[in-house]
PDB file of N, CA and C in Angstrom:
ATOM      1  N   MET A   1     -29.376 -31.659  61.130  1.00  0.00           N
ATOM      2  CA  MET A   1     -28.722 -31.692  62.418  1.00  0.00           C
ATOM      3  C   MET A   1     -27.443 -32.516  62.315  1.00  0.00           C
ATOM      4  N   ASN A   2     -26.470 -32.098  63.062  1.00  0.00           N
ATOM      5  CA  ASN A   2     -25.214 -32.847  63.042  1.00  0.00           C
ATOM      6  C   ASN A   2     -25.246 -33.957  64.096  1.00  0.00           C
ATOM      7  N   ARG A   3     -24.192 -34.734  64.100  1.00  0.00           N
ATOM      8  CA  ARG A   3     -24.139 -35.906  64.979  1.00  0.00           C
ATOM      9  C   ARG A   3     -24.102 -35.540  66.461  1.00  0.00           C
ATOM     10  N   ALA A   4     -23.397 -34.480  66.800  1.00  0.00           N
ATOM     11  CA  ALA A   4     -23.298 -34.093  68.210  1.00  0.00           C
ATOM     12  C   ALA A   4     -24.668 -33.673  68.749  1.00  0.00           C
ATOM     13  N   THR A   5     -25.447 -32.981  67.941  1.00  0.00           N
ATOM     14  CA  THR A   5     -26.779 -32.567  68.375  1.00  0.00           C
ATOM     15  C   THR A   5     -27.678 -33.781  68.571  1.00  0.00           C
ATOM     16  N   LEU A   6     -27.639 -34.716  67.627  1.00  0.00           N
ATOM     17  CA  LEU A   6     -28.455 -35.923  67.763  1.00  0.00           C
ATOM     18  C   LEU A   6     -28.042 -36.746  68.978  1.00  0.00           C
ATOM     19  N   ARG A   7     -26.744 -36.808  69.236  1.00  0.00           N
ATOM     20  CA  ARG A   7     -26.252 -37.541  70.397  1.00  0.00           C
ATOM     21  C   ARG A   7     -26.735 -36.876  71.685  1.00  0.00           C
ATOM     22  N   SER A   8     -26.715 -35.555  71.725  1.00  0.00           N
ATOM     23  CA  SER A   8     -27.176 -34.830  72.918  1.00  0.00           C
ATOM     24  C   SER A   8     -28.666 -35.049  73.155  1.00  0.00           C
ATOM     25  N   VAL A   9     -29.452 -35.012  72.083  1.00  0.00           N
ATOM     26  CA  VAL A   9     -30.898 -35.237  72.221  1.00  0.00           C
ATOM     27  C   VAL A   9     -31.163 -36.662  72.691  1.00  0.00           C
ATOM     28  N   PHE A  10     -30.431 -37.629  72.155  1.00  0.00           N
ATOM     29  CA  PHE A  10     -30.607 -39.024  72.560  1.00  0.00           C
ATOM     30  C   PHE A  10     -30.283 -39.220  74.036  1.00  0.00           C
ATOM     31  N   ILE A  11     -29.171 -38.650  74.484  1.00  0.00           N
ATOM     32  CA  ILE A  11     -28.787 -38.774  75.895  1.00  0.00           C
ATOM     33  C   ILE A  11     -29.800 -38.070  76.791  1.00  0.00           C
ATOM     34  N   ALA A  12     -30.303 -36.907  76.356  1.00  0.00           N
ATOM     35  CA  ALA A  12     -31.308 -36.197  77.142  1.00  0.00           C
ATOM     36  C   ALA A  12     -32.591 -37.024  77.262  1.00  0.00           C
ATOM     37  N   CYS A  13     -32.962 -37.718  76.192  1.00  0.00           N
ATOM     38  CA  CYS A  13     -34.154 -38.569  76.263  1.00  0.00           C
ATOM     39  C   CYS A  13     -33.929 -39.756  77.191  1.00  0.00           C
ATOM     40  N   ILE A  14     -32.745 -40.355  77.121  1.00  0.00           N
ATOM     41  CA  ILE A  14     -32.452 -41.505  77.981  1.00  0.00           C
ATOM     42  C   ILE A  14     -32.500 -41.101  79.455  1.00  0.00           C
ATOM     43  N   VAL A  15     -31.975 -39.936  79.767  1.00  0.00           N
ATOM     44  CA  VAL A  15     -31.955 -39.470  81.156  1.00  0.00           C
ATOM     45  C   VAL A  15     -33.308 -38.870  81.541  1.00  0.00           C
ATOM     46  N   GLY A  16     -33.936 -38.161  80.613  1.00  0.00           N
ATOM     47  CA  GLY A  16     -35.150 -37.416  80.931  1.00  0.00           C
ATOM     48  C   GLY A  16     -36.398 -38.246  81.077  1.00  0.00           C
ATOM     49  N   ILE A  17     -36.499 -39.339  80.347  1.00  0.00           N
ATOM     50  CA  ILE A  17     -37.728 -40.142  80.400  1.00  0.00           C
ATOM     51  C   ILE A  17     -37.958 -40.737  81.792  1.00  0.00           C
ATOM     52  N   PRO A  18     -36.984 -41.380  82.425  1.00  0.00           N
ATOM     53  CA  PRO A  18     -37.253 -41.884  83.787  1.00  0.00           C
ATOM     54  C   PRO A  18     -37.544 -40.768  84.795  1.00  0.00           C
ATOM     55  N   ILE A  19     -36.874 -39.634  84.639  1.00  0.00           N
ATOM     56  CA  ILE A  19     -37.135 -38.509  85.548  1.00  0.00           C
ATOM     57  C   ILE A  19     -38.553 -37.992  85.355  1.00  0.00           C
ATOM     58  N   LEU A  20     -38.984 -37.890  84.079  1.00  0.00           N
ATOM     59  CA  LEU A  20     -40.342 -37.437  83.797  1.00  0.00           C
ATOM     60  C   LEU A  20     -41.379 -38.414  84.360  1.00  0.00           C
ATOM     61  N   ILE A  21     -41.125 -39.701  84.216  1.00  0.00           N
ATOM     62  CA  ILE A  21     -42.070 -40.690  84.751  1.00  0.00           C
ATOM     63  C   ILE A  21     -42.119 -40.619  86.278  1.00  0.00           C
ATOM     64  N   TYR A  22     -40.979 -40.377  86.907  1.00  0.00           N
ATOM     65  CA  TYR A  22     -40.932 -40.302  88.369  1.00  0.00           C
ATOM     66  C   TYR A  22     -41.602 -39.042  88.892  1.00  0.00           C
ATOM     67  N   LEU A  23     -41.337 -37.886  88.268  1.00  0.00           N
ATOM     68  CA  LEU A  23     -41.841 -36.610  88.777  1.00  0.00           C
ATOM     69  C   LEU A  23     -43.283 -36.322  88.363  1.00  0.00           C
ATOM     70  N   ALA A  24     -43.654 -36.680  87.136  1.00  0.00           N
ATOM     71  CA  ALA A  24     -45.002 -36.355  86.649  1.00  0.00           C
ATOM     72  C   ALA A  24     -45.562 -37.533  85.866  1.00  0.00           C
ATOM     73  N   PRO A  25     -46.019 -38.572  86.538  1.00  0.00           N
ATOM     74  CA  PRO A  25     -46.502 -39.757  85.816  1.00  0.00           C
ATOM     75  C   PRO A  25     -47.746 -39.483  84.962  1.00  0.00           C
ATOM     76  N   ALA A  26     -48.625 -38.584  85.416  1.00  0.00           N
ATOM     77  CA  ALA A  26     -49.831 -38.285  84.633  1.00  0.00           C
ATOM     78  C   ALA A  26     -49.451 -37.573  83.327  1.00  0.00           C
ATOM     79  N   PHE A  27     -48.531 -36.628  83.420  1.00  0.00           N
ATOM     80  CA  PHE A  27     -48.103 -35.905  82.221  1.00  0.00           C
ATOM     81  C   PHE A  27     -47.353 -36.836  81.273  1.00  0.00           C
ATOM     82  N   ALA A  28     -46.537 -37.731  81.818  1.00  0.00           N
ATOM     83  CA  ALA A  28     -45.809 -38.683  80.979  1.00  0.00           C
ATOM     84  C   ALA A  28     -46.782 -39.616  80.262  1.00  0.00           C
ATOM     85  N   GLY A  29     -47.825 -40.062  80.980  1.00  0.00           N
ATOM     86  CA  GLY A  29     -48.843 -40.901  80.359  1.00  0.00           C
ATOM     87  C   GLY A  29     -49.575 -40.170  79.244  1.00  0.00           C
ATOM     88  N   PHE A  30     -49.919 -38.887  79.480  1.00  0.00           N
ATOM     89  CA  PHE A  30     -50.581 -38.085  78.452  1.00  0.00           C
ATOM     90  C   PHE A  30     -49.663 -37.887  77.252  1.00  0.00           C
ATOM     91  N   LEU A  31     -48.390 -37.647  77.510  1.00  0.00           N
ATOM     92  CA  LEU A  31     -47.433 -37.431  76.432  1.00  0.00           C
ATOM     93  C   LEU A  31     -47.262 -38.690  75.579  1.00  0.00           C
ATOM     94  N   TYR A  32     -47.154 -39.848  76.213  1.00  0.00           N
ATOM     95  CA  TYR A  32     -47.024 -41.104  75.472  1.00  0.00           C
ATOM     96  C   TYR A  32     -48.304 -41.435  74.715  1.00  0.00           C
ATOM     97  N   LEU A  33     -49.464 -41.117  75.293  1.00  0.00           N
ATOM     98  CA  LEU A  33     -50.730 -41.319  74.607  1.00  0.00           C
ATOM     99  C   LEU A  33     -50.824 -40.424  73.370  1.00  0.00           C
ATOM    100  N   LEU A  34     -50.348 -39.182  73.499  1.00  0.00           N
ATOM    101  CA  LEU A  34     -50.358 -38.260  72.366  1.00  0.00           C
ATOM    102  C   LEU A  34     -49.417 -38.743  71.259  1.00  0.00           C
ATOM    103  N   ILE A  35     -48.253 -39.211  71.645  1.00  0.00           N
ATOM    104  CA  ILE A  35     -47.302 -39.735  70.650  1.00  0.00           C
ATOM    105  C   ILE A  35     -47.894 -40.949  69.944  1.00  0.00           C
ATOM    106  N   ALA A  36     -48.543 -41.832  70.690  1.00  0.00           N
ATOM    107  CA  ALA A  36     -49.147 -43.020  70.086  1.00  0.00           C
ATOM    108  C   ALA A  36     -50.329 -42.656  69.203  1.00  0.00           C
ATOM    109  N   ALA A  37     -51.105 -41.646  69.592  1.00  0.00           N
ATOM    110  CA  ALA A  37     -52.265 -41.243  68.795  1.00  0.00           C
ATOM    111  C   ALA A  37     -51.836 -40.587  67.483  1.00  0.00           C
ATOM    112  N   LEU A  38     -50.713 -39.894  67.499  1.00  0.00           N
ATOM    113  CA  LEU A  38     -50.229 -39.223  66.284  1.00  0.00           C
ATOM    114  C   LEU A  38     -49.285 -40.094  65.461  1.00  0.00           C
ATOM    115  N   ALA A  39     -49.111 -41.351  65.863  1.00  0.00           N
ATOM    116  CA  ALA A  39     -48.209 -42.257  65.140  1.00  0.00           C
ATOM    117  C   ALA A  39     -48.591 -42.448  63.671  1.00  0.00           C
ATOM    118  N   PRO A  40     -49.876 -42.485  63.292  1.00  0.00           N
ATOM    119  CA  PRO A  40     -50.177 -42.608  61.861  1.00  0.00           C
ATOM    120  C   PRO A  40     -49.670 -41.431  61.030  1.00  0.00           C
ATOM    121  N   LEU A  41     -49.365 -40.329  61.663  1.00  0.00           N
ATOM    122  CA  LEU A  41     -48.844 -39.178  60.922  1.00  0.00           C
ATOM    123  C   LEU A  41     -47.323 -39.191  60.812  1.00  0.00           C
ATOM    124  N   TRP A  42     -46.634 -39.479  61.905  1.00  0.00           N
ATOM    125  CA  TRP A  42     -45.171 -39.376  61.888  1.00  0.00           C
ATOM    126  C   TRP A  42     -44.466 -40.689  61.608  1.00  0.00           C
ATOM    127  N   LEU A  43     -45.090 -41.818  61.893  1.00  0.00           N
ATOM    128  CA  LEU A  43     -44.425 -43.104  61.707  1.00  0.00           C
ATOM    129  C   LEU A  43     -44.163 -43.445  60.229  1.00  0.00           C
ATOM    130  N   PRO A  44     -45.100 -43.224  59.296  1.00  0.00           N
ATOM    131  CA  PRO A  44     -44.776 -43.503  57.890  1.00  0.00           C
ATOM    132  C   PRO A  44     -43.625 -42.655  57.361  1.00  0.00           C
ATOM    133  N   VAL A  45     -43.560 -41.407  57.797  1.00  0.00           N
ATOM    134  CA  VAL A  45     -42.462 -40.537  57.360  1.00  0.00           C
ATOM    135  C   VAL A  45     -41.136 -41.055  57.899  1.00  0.00           C
ATOM    136  N   LEU A  46     -41.109 -41.448  59.160  1.00  0.00           N
ATOM    137  CA  LEU A  46     -39.887 -41.981  59.767  1.00  0.00           C
ATOM    138  C   LEU A  46     -39.454 -43.278  59.091  1.00  0.00           C
ATOM    139  N   LEU A  47     -40.414 -44.160  58.830  1.00  0.00           N
ATOM    140  CA  LEU A  47     -40.080 -45.417  58.161  1.00  0.00           C
ATOM    141  C   LEU A  47     -39.596 -45.185  56.734  1.00  0.00           C
ATOM    142  N   ALA A  48     -40.176 -44.215  56.041  1.00  0.00           N
ATOM    143  CA  ALA A  48     -39.726 -43.905  54.683  1.00  0.00           C
ATOM    144  C   ALA A  48     -38.312 -43.343  54.692  1.00  0.00           C
ATOM    145  N   LEU A  49     -38.005 -42.509  55.667  1.00  0.00           N
ATOM    146  CA  LEU A  49     -36.653 -41.950  55.765  1.00  0.00           C
ATOM    147  C   LEU A  49     -35.614 -43.022  56.067  1.00  0.00           C
ATOM    148  N   ILE A  50     -36.016 -44.056  56.769  1.00  0.00           N
ATOM    149  CA  ILE A  50     -35.095 -45.150  57.075  1.00  0.00           C
ATOM    150  C   ILE A  50     -35.033 -46.144  55.927  1.00  0.00           C
ATOM    151  N   ALA A  51     -36.180 -46.465  55.338  1.00  0.00           N
ATOM    152  CA  ALA A  51     -36.247 -47.532  54.331  1.00  0.00           C
ATOM    153  C   ALA A  51     -35.698 -47.104  52.972  1.00  0.00           C
ATOM    154  N   TRP A  52     -35.847 -45.838  52.596  1.00  0.00           N
ATOM    155  CA  TRP A  52     -35.410 -45.403  51.265  1.00  0.00           C
ATOM    156  C   TRP A  52     -33.907 -45.595  51.042  1.00  0.00           C
ATOM    157  N   PRO A  53     -33.014 -45.138  51.933  1.00  0.00           N
ATOM    158  CA  PRO A  53     -31.583 -45.393  51.711  1.00  0.00           C
ATOM    159  C   PRO A  53     -31.230 -46.877  51.735  1.00  0.00           C
ATOM    160  N   LEU A  54     -31.882 -47.661  52.592  1.00  0.00           N
ATOM    161  CA  LEU A  54     -31.609 -49.093  52.627  1.00  0.00           C
ATOM    162  C   LEU A  54     -32.035 -49.768  51.329  1.00  0.00           C
ATOM    163  N   TRP A  55     -33.165 -49.335  50.775  1.00  0.00           N
ATOM    164  CA  TRP A  55     -33.629 -49.898  49.507  1.00  0.00           C
ATOM    165  C   TRP A  55     -32.677 -49.534  48.380  1.00  0.00           C
ATOM    166  N   LEU A  56     -32.185 -48.288  48.364  1.00  0.00           N
ATOM    167  CA  LEU A  56     -31.229 -47.885  47.329  1.00  0.00           C
ATOM    168  C   LEU A  56     -29.945 -48.698  47.407  1.00  0.00           C
ATOM    169  N   ILE A  57     -29.450 -48.946  48.600  1.00  0.00           N
ATOM    170  CA  ILE A  57     -28.241 -49.761  48.766  1.00  0.00           C
ATOM    171  C   ILE A  57     -28.481 -51.166  48.242  1.00  0.00           C
ATOM    172  N   GLN A  58     -29.653 -51.736  48.553  1.00  0.00           N
ATOM    173  CA  GLN A  58     -29.954 -53.095  48.120  1.00  0.00           C
ATOM    174  C   GLN A  58     -30.062 -53.176  46.603  1.00  0.00           C
ATOM    175  N   VAL A  59     -30.730 -52.231  45.974  1.00  0.00           N
ATOM    176  CA  VAL A  59     -30.904 -52.253  44.524  1.00  0.00           C
ATOM    177  C   VAL A  59     -29.569 -52.045  43.824  1.00  0.00           C
ATOM    178  N   ARG A  60     -28.759 -51.120  44.312  1.00  0.00           N
ATOM    179  CA  ARG A  60     -27.460 -50.869  43.679  1.00  0.00           C
ATOM    180  C   ARG A  60     -26.524 -52.050  43.842  1.00  0.00           C
ATOM    181  N   SER A  61     -26.516 -52.683  45.003  1.00  0.00           N
ATOM    182  CA  SER A  61     -25.641 -53.843  45.188  1.00  0.00           C
ATOM    183  C   SER A  61     -26.110 -55.026  44.343  1.00  0.00           C
ATOM    184  N   GLN A  62     -27.407 -55.164  44.173  1.00  0.00           N
ATOM    185  CA  GLN A  62     -27.922 -56.223  43.311  1.00  0.00           C
ATOM    186  C   GLN A  62     -27.525 -55.964  41.855  1.00  0.00           C
ATOM    187  N   PHE A  63     -27.566 -54.716  41.417  1.00  0.00           N
ATOM    188  CA  PHE A  63     -27.157 -54.375  40.059  1.00  0.00           C
ATOM    189  C   PHE A  63     -25.685 -54.684  39.833  1.00  0.00           C
ATOM    190  N   VAL A  64     -24.849 -54.307  40.789  1.00  0.00           N
ATOM    191  CA  VAL A  64     -23.412 -54.543  40.645  1.00  0.00           C
ATOM    192  C   VAL A  64     -23.105 -56.038  40.675  1.00  0.00           C
ATOM    193  N   SER A  65     -23.820 -56.796  41.476  1.00  0.00           N
ATOM    194  CA  SER A  65     -23.553 -58.236  41.549  1.00  0.00           C
ATOM    195  C   SER A  65     -24.012 -58.972  40.287  1.00  0.00           C
ATOM    196  N   ASN A  66     -24.929 -58.398  39.523  1.00  0.00           N
ATOM    197  CA  ASN A  66     -25.405 -59.034  38.294  1.00  0.00           C
ATOM    198  C   ASN A  66     -24.579 -58.676  37.067  1.00  0.00           C
ATOM    199  N   ILE A  67     -23.567 -57.837  37.205  1.00  0.00           N
ATOM    200  CA  ILE A  67     -22.717 -57.488  36.069  1.00  0.00           C
ATOM    201  C   ILE A  67     -21.817 -58.677  35.760  1.00  0.00           C
ATOM    202  N   GLU A  68     -21.798 -59.067  34.493  1.00  0.00           N
ATOM    203  CA  GLU A  68     -20.949 -60.172  34.085  1.00  0.00           C
ATOM    204  C   GLU A  68     -19.600 -59.618  33.642  1.00  0.00           C
ATOM    205  N   TYR A  69     -18.547 -60.116  34.244  1.00  0.00           N
ATOM    206  CA  TYR A  69     -17.205 -59.666  33.922  1.00  0.00           C
ATOM    207  C   TYR A  69     -16.553 -60.641  32.958  1.00  0.00           C
ATOM    208  N   GLU A  70     -15.683 -60.114  32.116  1.00  0.00           N
ATOM    209  CA  GLU A  70     -14.939 -60.938  31.176  1.00  0.00           C
ATOM    210  C   GLU A  70     -13.472 -60.580  31.254  1.00  0.00           C
ATOM    211  N   THR A  71     -12.624 -61.546  30.960  1.00  0.00           N
ATOM    212  CA  THR A  71     -11.186 -61.310  30.931  1.00  0.00           C
ATOM    213  C   THR A  71     -10.766 -61.087  29.488  1.00  0.00           C
ATOM    214  N   LEU A  72     -10.071 -60.006  29.251  1.00  0.00           N
ATOM    215  CA  LEU A  72      -9.607 -59.681  27.906  1.00  0.00           C
ATOM    216  C   LEU A  72      -8.137 -60.048  27.779  1.00  0.00           C
ATOM    217  N   GLU A  73      -7.784 -60.650  26.666  1.00  0.00           N
ATOM    218  CA  GLU A  73      -6.390 -60.972  26.391  1.00  0.00           C
ATOM    219  C   GLU A  73      -5.899 -60.001  25.325  1.00  0.00           C
ATOM    220  N   LEU A  74      -4.840 -59.285  25.640  1.00  0.00           N
ATOM    221  CA  LEU A  74      -4.282 -58.310  24.707  1.00  0.00           C
ATOM    222  C   LEU A  74      -3.035 -58.898  24.063  1.00  0.00           C
ATOM    223  N   LYS A  75      -3.070 -58.967  22.742  1.00  0.00           N
ATOM    224  CA  LYS A  75      -1.908 -59.458  22.005  1.00  0.00           C
ATOM    225  C   LYS A  75      -1.431 -58.329  21.101  1.00  0.00           C
ATOM    226  N   PRO A  76      -0.182 -57.900  21.283  1.00  0.00           N
ATOM    227  CA  PRO A  76       0.324 -56.842  20.395  1.00  0.00           C
ATOM    228  C   PRO A  76       0.528 -57.393  18.982  1.00  0.00           C
ATOM    229  N   GLY A  77       0.273 -56.527  17.999  1.00  0.00           N
ATOM    230  CA  GLY A  77       0.435 -56.940  16.609  1.00  0.00           C
ATOM    231  C   GLY A  77       1.901 -57.057  16.227  1.00  0.00           C
ATOM    232  N   ASP A  78       2.147 -57.534  14.988  1.00  0.00           N
ATOM    233  CA  ASP A  78       3.523 -57.713  14.509  1.00  0.00           C
ATOM    234  C   ASP A  78       4.220 -56.381  14.287  1.00  0.00           C
ATOM    235  N   GLN A  79       3.483 -55.359  13.936  1.00  0.00           N
ATOM    236  CA  GLN A  79       4.075 -54.060  13.638  1.00  0.00           C
ATOM    237  C   GLN A  79       4.265 -53.194  14.889  1.00  0.00           C
ATOM    238  N   THR A  80       3.818 -53.664  16.027  1.00  0.00           N
ATOM    239  CA  THR A  80       3.931 -52.888  17.257  1.00  0.00           C
ATOM    240  C   THR A  80       5.344 -53.007  17.815  1.00  0.00           C
ATOM    241  N   PRO A  81       5.978 -51.853  18.129  1.00  0.00           N
ATOM    242  CA  PRO A  81       7.320 -51.926  18.729  1.00  0.00           C
ATOM    243  C   PRO A  81       7.234 -52.591  20.105  1.00  0.00           C
ATOM    244  N   LYS A  82       8.187 -53.417  20.396  1.00  0.00           N
ATOM    245  CA  LYS A  82       8.158 -54.201  21.629  1.00  0.00           C
ATOM    246  C   LYS A  82       8.950 -53.482  22.721  1.00  0.00           C
ATOM    247  N   SER A  83       8.261 -52.620  23.442  1.00  0.00           N
ATOM    248  CA  SER A  83       8.886 -51.891  24.533  1.00  0.00           C
ATOM    249  C   SER A  83       8.160 -52.258  25.828  1.00  0.00           C
ATOM    250  N   ALA A  84       8.914 -52.582  26.829  1.00  0.00           N
ATOM    251  CA  ALA A  84       8.314 -52.975  28.101  1.00  0.00           C
ATOM    252  C   ALA A  84       7.607 -51.792  28.761  1.00  0.00           C
ATOM    253  N   LYS A  85       8.177 -50.612  28.633  1.00  0.00           N
ATOM    254  CA  LYS A  85       7.588 -49.437  29.267  1.00  0.00           C
ATOM    255  C   LYS A  85       6.220 -49.116  28.670  1.00  0.00           C
ATOM    256  N   SER A  86       6.070 -49.239  27.356  1.00  0.00           N
ATOM    257  CA  SER A  86       4.789 -48.918  26.732  1.00  0.00           C
ATOM    258  C   SER A  86       3.708 -49.908  27.168  1.00  0.00           C
ATOM    259  N   MET A  87       4.031 -51.175  27.289  1.00  0.00           N
ATOM    260  CA  MET A  87       3.032 -52.146  27.734  1.00  0.00           C
ATOM    261  C   MET A  87       2.684 -51.954  29.208  1.00  0.00           C
ATOM    262  N   GLU A  88       3.663 -51.553  30.001  1.00  0.00           N
ATOM    263  CA  GLU A  88       3.370 -51.251  31.399  1.00  0.00           C
ATOM    264  C   GLU A  88       2.383 -50.099  31.495  1.00  0.00           C
ATOM    265  N   LEU A  89       2.541 -49.092  30.654  1.00  0.00           N
ATOM    266  CA  LEU A  89       1.610 -47.960  30.656  1.00  0.00           C
ATOM    267  C   LEU A  89       0.217 -48.391  30.211  1.00  0.00           C
ATOM    268  N   VAL A  90       0.146 -49.298  29.242  1.00  0.00           N
ATOM    269  CA  VAL A  90      -1.155 -49.784  28.792  1.00  0.00           C
ATOM    270  C   VAL A  90      -1.863 -50.516  29.926  1.00  0.00           C
ATOM    271  N   PHE A  91      -1.177 -51.425  30.583  1.00  0.00           N
ATOM    272  CA  PHE A  91      -1.803 -52.169  31.680  1.00  0.00           C
ATOM    273  C   PHE A  91      -2.127 -51.263  32.854  1.00  0.00           C
ATOM    274  N   TYR A  92      -1.300 -50.287  33.125  1.00  0.00           N
ATOM    275  CA  TYR A  92      -1.555 -49.345  34.203  1.00  0.00           C
ATOM    276  C   TYR A  92      -2.830 -48.541  33.919  1.00  0.00           C
ATOM    277  N   SER A  93      -2.964 -48.088  32.664  1.00  0.00           N
ATOM    278  CA  SER A  93      -4.158 -47.289  32.321  1.00  0.00           C
ATOM    279  C   SER A  93      -5.408 -48.145  32.329  1.00  0.00           C
ATOM    280  N   LEU A  94      -5.315 -49.429  31.979  1.00  0.00           N
ATOM    281  CA  LEU A  94      -6.483 -50.313  32.045  1.00  0.00           C
ATOM    282  C   LEU A  94      -6.879 -50.601  33.486  1.00  0.00           C
ATOM    283  N   TYR A  95      -5.882 -50.772  34.342  1.00  0.00           N
ATOM    284  CA  TYR A  95      -6.154 -51.115  35.738  1.00  0.00           C
ATOM    285  C   TYR A  95      -6.734 -49.928  36.513  1.00  0.00           C
ATOM    286  N   HIS A  96      -6.238 -48.726  36.247  1.00  0.00           N
ATOM    287  CA  HIS A  96      -6.626 -47.545  37.037  1.00  0.00           C
ATOM    288  C   HIS A  96      -7.644 -46.686  36.290  1.00  0.00           C
ATOM    289  N   ARG A  97      -8.648 -47.299  35.734  1.00  0.00           N
ATOM    290  CA  ARG A  97      -9.701 -46.547  35.035  1.00  0.00           C
ATOM    291  C   ARG A  97     -10.562 -45.785  35.995  1.00  0.00           C
TER     292      ARG A  97
END
């Protein structure tokens, strides 16, 4: 489902729940009882759908934060021609990997 559909369903629930409670309180009570009784079936699936992406973000960010970075010093050799443009290209290619 796209975002507009989810937004429409959310707004319909926000508006519809008080109307349902006002017009048919017995049916609303039965509906909420049914939702609560079936919670062991749908709640683990909902929690897994929410928790799995959050867990992946946490594990990946922890991995990236544990990477040890080092600074490399590049010294051109004696036989290397000394051109400013060539060294600029080297640093550019290292920076934009």
